[in-house]
Amino acid sequence: MTIDEIKRDETTHQSDTWAQKALEHLKRDNLPPIPDNFAVYFSYHSGDNPNLKMAMDSLLSQFESLTQEQCAALYQSHLSLEAEHRVLNETTTSIESELKRVMGVLDQTSSGASQYDRTLTNFSGTLQATVSLDQIRAAVNRVANETRVMADQNQRLHTQLAQSTQQLTEVRYSLDQVRKESMTDPLTEVGNRKFFSNELARATQEATETGTALSLLIADIDHFKKFNDSYGHLVGDQVLRLVARTLIENLKGRDIIARYGGEEFVILLPSTQVQNAVNVANQLRTNLGSKQIRRKNSQETLGVITISIGATEYCPNEDLDAFIARADAALYDAKQTGRNKVMIRLVAPEQAAAVQAKKEA
């Protein structure tokens, strides 16, 4: 059986277990196993949505079971696209409102400018004609009045445009925040899988264009499920945050960190050959092993956390899935040979040749 087949079997088994727990939990709460309800409970037991899990834990600590209304609210808040669509719709409406207001002001100013232009033209015609002093005085008064009107309009325009600029700046900030949140894992505050996918595409393109090295590490917390089951999910969340913080503290500014899913983290190391990446990985492993997990309320020591890491180096123009799969295979080697270690998988020469031939074809 291949590594991929073993992993697929493990994933299928995990999914079956989570599905069974979700159905049993739904039955205990007397909720029908409709798709939305099942999605909430499946996500809760799989732990793939930390925000949903925290919200549901909070509800379950207050009530023995969830109501249909509470379950529907969890689905809408954490699993439905409706929340994101609502933010985008509100933002779009706000921008459209501001643009309409600005266009209205500009239309008024344009109308006033046209009137002012006609007044000046008439005044010029009056001066060129043979007129009396009283007529000139009256023409000057009209110009002075129109000038005051234009000055007032320009001041209003300046004020309203300043307000609109502020409003649009706030809208842009809100959009930036929404984008940042959509790219961030809320539990660990590092990038999420979507963030990693974007950065992977950018980093591999840069490595190919510049001819510089690019290495990838995939780190997995050893025996995390056993630790989670022994001490509870809140302590498990504390472990994930500790690992993320350790990664951040021990990596350089250009290095890219993301939570890949569950207890796995991925690290992209630009301009880094794989042997140097292994040195970085061992430093991360050692630093993490020096930290202890304690219960926040009692300061009871629960032990240390170890990680297994797989490392590989990018082969220019290779398929990104192959790049990730190679690092994942190295991680599997580390797990199978004792854990708490770093293992390497390099692209085979014949694979590199095939990638090069595909590029030149």
Foldseek 3Di string as FASTA:
>chain_A
DDPVVVVVVVVVVVLVVLLVQQVVQCVVQVHDCDPLSSVLSSCLSQVFAVVSVVVVVVVCVVPVHDDPVRSVVSCVVGPDCVVVVVLVVVLVVLLVVLVVVLVVLVVVLVVLVVVLVVLVVVLVVVVVDDDDPVVNVVSVVVNVVSVVVNVVSVVVSVVSVVVSVVSVVVSVVSVVVVVQVVQARVLQRAGEQVVVVVVLVVQLVVCQVVVAKKKKKKKFWPPLVVVCVVPHVVLSSVLLNLLSVLVVVQDDPVKGWYAHGDRMIMIMDTRDAQVVVQVSVLVSQVVQQVDFRADPVPRHTPHGIGMEMFMEMDQRQDDVVVNVVQRVVQSVVCNVPPGRHYGYGYDDPVRSVVSVVVVVD
